[in-house]
Amino acid sequence: MSEKKPFSYTYVSPERKTALPGDKHGGDKGRKLHGRPLLRAVLWGTGNCLLFGFGLTCVLEWSMFTAGILCG
C-alpha cells in the first residue's frame, strides 16, 4: 500500500494576487485582535445587543413604538 499524504490547498485571488489570511505559504497573515481593541469590541457589541433588546422589549411588551424604534 502507498502512504497517504495530508491534503493541502492554497487559493490565490486573481484580483489581489495574494494568498488568503493565515496562509502558511505567504501572503497576508491577517489582523489579530487582542488587548484593549478586543475589550472595546466586546463591550461595544454587548452594549449594542442590550440596547437592541431594550428596543425590542419596548415594542413587543410595552407597546412603546417610538422608543422601541429609536433604540432598535
PDB file of N, CA and C in Angstrom:
ATOM      1  N   MET A   1       0.829  -1.185   0.000  1.00  0.00           N
ATOM      2  CA  MET A   1       0.000   0.000   0.000  1.00  0.00           C
ATOM      3  C   MET A   1       0.878   1.255   0.000  1.00  0.00           C
ATOM      4  N   SER A   2       0.328   2.312  -0.485  1.00  0.00           N
ATOM      5  CA  SER A   2       1.072   3.563  -0.535  1.00  0.00           C
ATOM      6  C   SER A   2       0.743   4.412   0.692  1.00  0.00           C
ATOM      7  N   GLU A   3       1.676   5.279   1.052  1.00  0.00           N
ATOM      8  CA  GLU A   3       1.456   6.181   2.185  1.00  0.00           C
ATOM      9  C   GLU A   3       0.494   7.284   1.779  1.00  0.00           C
ATOM     10  N   LYS A   4      -0.379   7.676   2.713  1.00  0.00           N
ATOM     11  CA  LYS A   4      -1.316   8.755   2.429  1.00  0.00           C
ATOM     12  C   LYS A   4      -0.712  10.066   2.894  1.00  0.00           C
ATOM     13  N   LYS A   5      -0.708  11.037   2.006  1.00  0.00           N
ATOM     14  CA  LYS A   5      -0.197  12.365   2.336  1.00  0.00           C
ATOM     15  C   LYS A   5      -1.363  13.263   2.708  1.00  0.00           C
ATOM     16  N   PRO A   6      -1.164  14.205   3.647  1.00  0.00           N
ATOM     17  CA  PRO A   6      -2.262  15.102   4.019  1.00  0.00           C
ATOM     18  C   PRO A   6      -2.625  16.024   2.860  1.00  0.00           C
ATOM     19  N   PHE A   7      -3.906  16.337   2.778  1.00  0.00           N
ATOM     20  CA  PHE A   7      -4.408  17.201   1.714  1.00  0.00           C
ATOM     21  C   PHE A   7      -4.048  18.646   2.013  1.00  0.00           C
ATOM     22  N   SER A   8      -3.554  19.358   1.032  1.00  0.00           N
ATOM     23  CA  SER A   8      -3.201  20.768   1.189  1.00  0.00           C
ATOM     24  C   SER A   8      -3.761  21.538  -0.004  1.00  0.00           C
ATOM     25  N   TYR A   9      -4.350  22.707   0.290  1.00  0.00           N
ATOM     26  CA  TYR A   9      -4.957  23.507  -0.763  1.00  0.00           C
ATOM     27  C   TYR A   9      -4.659  24.969  -0.501  1.00  0.00           C
ATOM     28  N   THR A  10      -4.208  25.682  -1.505  1.00  0.00           N
ATOM     29  CA  THR A  10      -3.929  27.110  -1.391  1.00  0.00           C
ATOM     30  C   THR A  10      -4.664  27.837  -2.505  1.00  0.00           C
ATOM     31  N   TYR A  11      -5.400  28.885  -2.130  1.00  0.00           N
ATOM     32  CA  TYR A  11      -6.129  29.683  -3.109  1.00  0.00           C
ATOM     33  C   TYR A  11      -5.501  31.064  -3.178  1.00  0.00           C
ATOM     34  N   VAL A  12      -5.261  31.537  -4.367  1.00  0.00           N
ATOM     35  CA  VAL A  12      -4.742  32.880  -4.578  1.00  0.00           C
ATOM     36  C   VAL A  12      -5.751  33.636  -5.428  1.00  0.00           C
ATOM     37  N   SER A  13      -6.197  34.772  -4.911  1.00  0.00           N
ATOM     38  CA  SER A  13      -7.192  35.569  -5.606  1.00  0.00           C
ATOM     39  C   SER A  13      -6.584  36.183  -6.861  1.00  0.00           C
ATOM     40  N   PRO A  14      -7.265  36.107  -7.998  1.00  0.00           N
ATOM     41  CA  PRO A  14      -6.702  36.699  -9.208  1.00  0.00           C
ATOM     42  C   PRO A  14      -6.664  38.226  -9.143  1.00  0.00           C
ATOM     43  N   GLU A  15      -7.568  38.829  -8.361  1.00  0.00           N
ATOM     44  CA  GLU A  15      -7.592  40.284  -8.266  1.00  0.00           C
ATOM     45  C   GLU A  15      -6.479  40.811  -7.355  1.00  0.00           C
ATOM     46  N   ARG A  16      -6.264  40.140  -6.223  1.00  0.00           N
ATOM     47  CA  ARG A  16      -5.321  40.649  -5.228  1.00  0.00           C
ATOM     48  C   ARG A  16      -3.925  40.068  -5.384  1.00  0.00           C
ATOM     49  N   LYS A  17      -3.808  38.945  -6.017  1.00  0.00           N
ATOM     50  CA  LYS A  17      -2.518  38.272  -6.225  1.00  0.00           C
ATOM     51  C   LYS A  17      -1.835  37.932  -4.898  1.00  0.00           C
ATOM     52  N   THR A  18      -2.623  37.707  -3.847  1.00  0.00           N
ATOM     53  CA  THR A  18      -2.062  37.294  -2.565  1.00  0.00           C
ATOM     54  C   THR A  18      -2.863  36.113  -2.045  1.00  0.00           C
ATOM     55  N   ALA A  19      -2.256  35.384  -1.155  1.00  0.00           N
ATOM     56  CA  ALA A  19      -2.923  34.241  -0.556  1.00  0.00           C
ATOM     57  C   ALA A  19      -3.904  34.707   0.512  1.00  0.00           C
ATOM     58  N   LEU A  20      -4.763  33.803   0.926  1.00  0.00           N
ATOM     59  CA  LEU A  20      -5.732  34.116   1.963  1.00  0.00           C
ATOM     60  C   LEU A  20      -5.036  34.385   3.298  1.00  0.00           C
ATOM     61  N   PRO A  21      -5.681  35.167   4.208  1.00  0.00           N
ATOM     62  CA  PRO A  21      -5.082  35.434   5.513  1.00  0.00           C
ATOM     63  C   PRO A  21      -4.828  34.143   6.282  1.00  0.00           C
ATOM     64  N   GLY A  22      -3.694  34.105   6.944  1.00  0.00           N
ATOM     65  CA  GLY A  22      -3.349  32.931   7.737  1.00  0.00           C
ATOM     66  C   GLY A  22      -2.694  31.825   6.940  1.00  0.00           C
ATOM     67  N   ASP A  23      -2.458  32.051   5.664  1.00  0.00           N
ATOM     68  CA  ASP A  23      -1.823  31.036   4.840  1.00  0.00           C
ATOM     69  C   ASP A  23      -0.364  30.907   5.250  1.00  0.00           C
ATOM     70  N   LYS A  24       0.079  29.672   5.517  1.00  0.00           N
ATOM     71  CA  LYS A  24       1.454  29.485   5.975  1.00  0.00           C
ATOM     72  C   LYS A  24       2.477  29.543   4.843  1.00  0.00           C
ATOM     73  N   HIS A  25       2.009  29.655   3.615  1.00  0.00           N
ATOM     74  CA  HIS A  25       2.922  29.724   2.477  1.00  0.00           C
ATOM     75  C   HIS A  25       3.122  31.147   1.985  1.00  0.00           C
ATOM     76  N   GLY A  26       2.793  32.127   2.802  1.00  0.00           N
ATOM     77  CA  GLY A  26       2.977  33.516   2.392  1.00  0.00           C
ATOM     78  C   GLY A  26       1.666  34.254   2.379  1.00  0.00           C
ATOM     79  N   GLY A  27       1.713  35.475   1.951  1.00  0.00           N
ATOM     80  CA  GLY A  27       0.509  36.279   1.906  1.00  0.00           C
ATOM     81  C   GLY A  27       0.293  37.018   3.218  1.00  0.00           C
ATOM     82  N   ASP A  28      -0.828  37.671   3.302  1.00  0.00           N
ATOM     83  CA  ASP A  28      -1.162  38.446   4.482  1.00  0.00           C
ATOM     84  C   ASP A  28      -1.484  37.513   5.644  1.00  0.00           C
ATOM     85  N   LYS A  29      -0.954  37.798   6.803  1.00  0.00           N
ATOM     86  CA  LYS A  29      -1.199  36.958   7.968  1.00  0.00           C
ATOM     87  C   LYS A  29      -2.512  37.296   8.656  1.00  0.00           C
ATOM     88  N   GLY A  30      -3.176  38.338   8.236  1.00  0.00           N
ATOM     89  CA  GLY A  30      -4.434  38.722   8.861  1.00  0.00           C
ATOM     90  C   GLY A  30      -4.192  39.605  10.067  1.00  0.00           C
ATOM     91  N   ARG A  31      -5.210  40.301  10.490  1.00  0.00           N
ATOM     92  CA  ARG A  31      -5.082  41.210  11.622  1.00  0.00           C
ATOM     93  C   ARG A  31      -5.610  40.527  12.869  1.00  0.00           C
ATOM     94  N   LYS A  32      -4.766  40.413  13.878  1.00  0.00           N
ATOM     95  CA  LYS A  32      -5.175  39.779  15.116  1.00  0.00           C
ATOM     96  C   LYS A  32      -5.682  40.835  16.076  1.00  0.00           C
ATOM     97  N   LEU A  33      -6.756  40.512  16.761  1.00  0.00           N
ATOM     98  CA  LEU A  33      -7.379  41.435  17.681  1.00  0.00           C
ATOM     99  C   LEU A  33      -7.102  40.945  19.099  1.00  0.00           C
ATOM    100  N   HIS A  34      -6.386  41.740  19.892  1.00  0.00           N
ATOM    101  CA  HIS A  34      -6.096  41.362  21.266  1.00  0.00           C
ATOM    102  C   HIS A  34      -5.883  42.619  22.101  1.00  0.00           C
ATOM    103  N   GLY A  35      -5.954  42.473  23.402  1.00  0.00           N
ATOM    104  CA  GLY A  35      -5.723  43.603  24.301  1.00  0.00           C
ATOM    105  C   GLY A  35      -6.908  44.543  24.356  1.00  0.00           C
ATOM    106  N   ARG A  36      -6.599  45.836  24.390  1.00  0.00           N
ATOM    107  CA  ARG A  36      -7.648  46.856  24.500  1.00  0.00           C
ATOM    108  C   ARG A  36      -8.633  46.866  23.332  1.00  0.00           C
ATOM    109  N   PRO A  37      -8.190  46.711  22.081  1.00  0.00           N
ATOM    110  CA  PRO A  37      -9.177  46.685  20.988  1.00  0.00           C
ATOM    111  C   PRO A  37     -10.179  45.543  21.127  1.00  0.00           C
ATOM    112  N   LEU A  38      -9.716  44.395  21.613  1.00  0.00           N
ATOM    113  CA  LEU A  38     -10.631  43.271  21.809  1.00  0.00           C
ATOM    114  C   LEU A  38     -11.645  43.595  22.896  1.00  0.00           C
ATOM    115  N   LEU A  39     -11.185  44.147  23.997  1.00  0.00           N
ATOM    116  CA  LEU A  39     -12.090  44.522  25.085  1.00  0.00           C
ATOM    117  C   LEU A  39     -13.104  45.555  24.616  1.00  0.00           C
ATOM    118  N   ARG A  40     -12.636  46.543  23.867  1.00  0.00           N
ATOM    119  CA  ARG A  40     -13.520  47.578  23.337  1.00  0.00           C
ATOM    120  C   ARG A  40     -14.570  46.971  22.403  1.00  0.00           C
ATOM    121  N   ALA A  41     -14.169  46.039  21.560  1.00  0.00           N
ATOM    122  CA  ALA A  41     -15.098  45.410  20.624  1.00  0.00           C
ATOM    123  C   ALA A  41     -16.140  44.574  21.362  1.00  0.00           C
ATOM    124  N   VAL A  42     -15.714  43.847  22.386  1.00  0.00           N
ATOM    125  CA  VAL A  42     -16.652  43.022  23.145  1.00  0.00           C
ATOM    126  C   VAL A  42     -17.639  43.904  23.893  1.00  0.00           C
ATOM    127  N   LEU A  43     -17.153  44.962  24.532  1.00  0.00           N
ATOM    128  CA  LEU A  43     -18.048  45.862  25.259  1.00  0.00           C
ATOM    129  C   LEU A  43     -19.007  46.585  24.316  1.00  0.00           C
ATOM    130  N   TRP A  44     -18.521  47.014  23.172  1.00  0.00           N
ATOM    131  CA  TRP A  44     -19.364  47.695  22.185  1.00  0.00           C
ATOM    132  C   TRP A  44     -20.459  46.753  21.688  1.00  0.00           C
ATOM    133  N   GLY A  45     -20.107  45.529  21.354  1.00  0.00           N
ATOM    134  CA  GLY A  45     -21.083  44.564  20.880  1.00  0.00           C
ATOM    135  C   GLY A  45     -22.105  44.200  21.945  1.00  0.00           C
ATOM    136  N   THR A  46     -21.656  44.029  23.182  1.00  0.00           N
ATOM    137  CA  THR A  46     -22.572  43.703  24.272  1.00  0.00           C
ATOM    138  C   THR A  46     -23.531  44.849  24.541  1.00  0.00           C
ATOM    139  N   GLY A  47     -23.008  46.061  24.574  1.00  0.00           N
ATOM    140  CA  GLY A  47     -23.856  47.231  24.800  1.00  0.00           C
ATOM    141  C   GLY A  47     -24.897  47.415  23.709  1.00  0.00           C
ATOM    142  N   ASN A  48     -24.487  47.237  22.475  1.00  0.00           N
ATOM    143  CA  ASN A  48     -25.435  47.374  21.366  1.00  0.00           C
ATOM    144  C   ASN A  48     -26.492  46.271  21.377  1.00  0.00           C
ATOM    145  N   CYS A  49     -26.100  45.078  21.775  1.00  0.00           N
ATOM    146  CA  CYS A  49     -27.059  43.977  21.874  1.00  0.00           C
ATOM    147  C   CYS A  49     -28.091  44.271  22.961  1.00  0.00           C
ATOM    148  N   LEU A  50     -27.649  44.796  24.102  1.00  0.00           N
ATOM    149  CA  LEU A  50     -28.581  45.154  25.180  1.00  0.00           C
ATOM    150  C   LEU A  50     -29.511  46.285  24.757  1.00  0.00           C
ATOM    151  N   LEU A  51     -28.972  47.270  24.045  1.00  0.00           N
ATOM    152  CA  LEU A  51     -29.802  48.376  23.575  1.00  0.00           C
ATOM    153  C   LEU A  51     -30.851  47.887  22.579  1.00  0.00           C
ATOM    154  N   PHE A  52     -30.467  47.003  21.684  1.00  0.00           N
ATOM    155  CA  PHE A  52     -31.412  46.437  20.728  1.00  0.00           C
ATOM    156  C   PHE A  52     -32.483  45.625  21.449  1.00  0.00           C
ATOM    157  N   GLY A  53     -32.079  44.847  22.455  1.00  0.00           N
ATOM    158  CA  GLY A  53     -33.032  44.071  23.237  1.00  0.00           C
ATOM    159  C   GLY A  53     -34.009  44.962  23.977  1.00  0.00           C
ATOM    160  N   PHE A  54     -33.534  46.088  24.493  1.00  0.00           N
ATOM    161  CA  PHE A  54     -34.419  47.029  25.161  1.00  0.00           C
ATOM    162  C   PHE A  54     -35.440  47.603  24.178  1.00  0.00           C
ATOM    163  N   GLY A  55     -34.992  47.934  22.984  1.00  0.00           N
ATOM    164  CA  GLY A  55     -35.906  48.440  21.960  1.00  0.00           C
ATOM    165  C   GLY A  55     -36.938  47.404  21.560  1.00  0.00           C
ATOM    166  N   LEU A  56     -36.517  46.160  21.466  1.00  0.00           N
ATOM    167  CA  LEU A  56     -37.438  45.080  21.134  1.00  0.00           C
ATOM    168  C   LEU A  56     -38.465  44.883  22.246  1.00  0.00           C
ATOM    169  N   THR A  57     -38.024  44.994  23.492  1.00  0.00           N
ATOM    170  CA  THR A  57     -38.936  44.879  24.622  1.00  0.00           C
ATOM    171  C   THR A  57     -39.934  46.034  24.633  1.00  0.00           C
ATOM    172  N   CYS A  58     -39.475  47.230  24.315  1.00  0.00           N
ATOM    173  CA  CYS A  58     -40.378  48.386  24.272  1.00  0.00           C
ATOM    174  C   CYS A  58     -41.518  48.151  23.283  1.00  0.00           C
ATOM    175  N   VAL A  59     -41.187  47.610  22.131  1.00  0.00           N
ATOM    176  CA  VAL A  59     -42.204  47.411  21.095  1.00  0.00           C
ATOM    177  C   VAL A  59     -43.115  46.235  21.425  1.00  0.00           C
ATOM    178  N   LEU A  60     -42.523  45.106  21.811  1.00  0.00           N
ATOM    179  CA  LEU A  60     -43.326  43.890  21.956  1.00  0.00           C
ATOM    180  C   LEU A  60     -44.081  43.801  23.275  1.00  0.00           C
ATOM    181  N   GLU A  61     -43.495  44.268  24.366  1.00  0.00           N
ATOM    182  CA  GLU A  61     -44.128  44.104  25.672  1.00  0.00           C
ATOM    183  C   GLU A  61     -44.900  45.335  26.118  1.00  0.00           C
ATOM    184  N   TRP A  62     -44.333  46.504  25.893  1.00  0.00           N
ATOM    185  CA  TRP A  62     -44.918  47.719  26.449  1.00  0.00           C
ATOM    186  C   TRP A  62     -45.644  48.575  25.412  1.00  0.00           C
ATOM    187  N   SER A  63     -45.615  48.206  24.168  1.00  0.00           N
ATOM    188  CA  SER A  63     -46.244  48.923  23.054  1.00  0.00           C
ATOM    189  C   SER A  63     -45.784  50.382  22.973  1.00  0.00           C
ATOM    190  N   MET A  64     -44.533  50.606  23.280  1.00  0.00           N
ATOM    191  CA  MET A  64     -43.929  51.941  23.145  1.00  0.00           C
ATOM    192  C   MET A  64     -43.156  51.942  21.821  1.00  0.00           C
ATOM    193  N   PHE A  65     -43.889  52.185  20.743  1.00  0.00           N
ATOM    194  CA  PHE A  65     -43.301  52.015  19.417  1.00  0.00           C
ATOM    195  C   PHE A  65     -42.210  53.034  19.111  1.00  0.00           C
ATOM    196  N   THR A  66     -42.408  54.286  19.498  1.00  0.00           N
ATOM    197  CA  THR A  66     -41.409  55.315  19.176  1.00  0.00           C
ATOM    198  C   THR A  66     -40.086  55.029  19.877  1.00  0.00           C
ATOM    199  N   ALA A  67     -40.129  54.730  21.171  1.00  0.00           N
ATOM    200  CA  ALA A  67     -38.893  54.440  21.911  1.00  0.00           C
ATOM    201  C   ALA A  67     -38.246  53.163  21.397  1.00  0.00           C
ATOM    202  N   GLY A  68     -39.059  52.166  21.067  1.00  0.00           N
ATOM    203  CA  GLY A  68     -38.537  50.904  20.562  1.00  0.00           C
ATOM    204  C   GLY A  68     -37.860  51.054  19.220  1.00  0.00           C
ATOM    205  N   ILE A  69     -38.463  51.846  18.345  1.00  0.00           N
ATOM    206  CA  ILE A  69     -37.859  52.058  17.024  1.00  0.00           C
ATOM    207  C   ILE A  69     -36.563  52.842  17.158  1.00  0.00           C
ATOM    208  N   LEU A  70     -36.521  53.835  18.021  1.00  0.00           N
ATOM    209  CA  LEU A  70     -35.288  54.612  18.209  1.00  0.00           C
ATOM    210  C   LEU A  70     -34.169  53.759  18.806  1.00  0.00           C
ATOM    211  N   CYS A  71     -34.498  52.920  19.760  1.00  0.00           N
ATOM    212  CA  CYS A  71     -33.472  52.039  20.356  1.00  0.00           C
ATOM    213  C   CYS A  71     -33.029  50.955  19.379  1.00  0.00           C
ATOM    214  N   GLY A  72     -33.972  50.456  18.607  1.00  0.00           N
ATOM    215  CA  GLY A  72     -33.644  49.374  17.660  1.00  0.00           C
ATOM    216  C   GLY A  72     -32.786  49.881  16.540  1.00  0.00           C
TER     217      GLY A  72
END
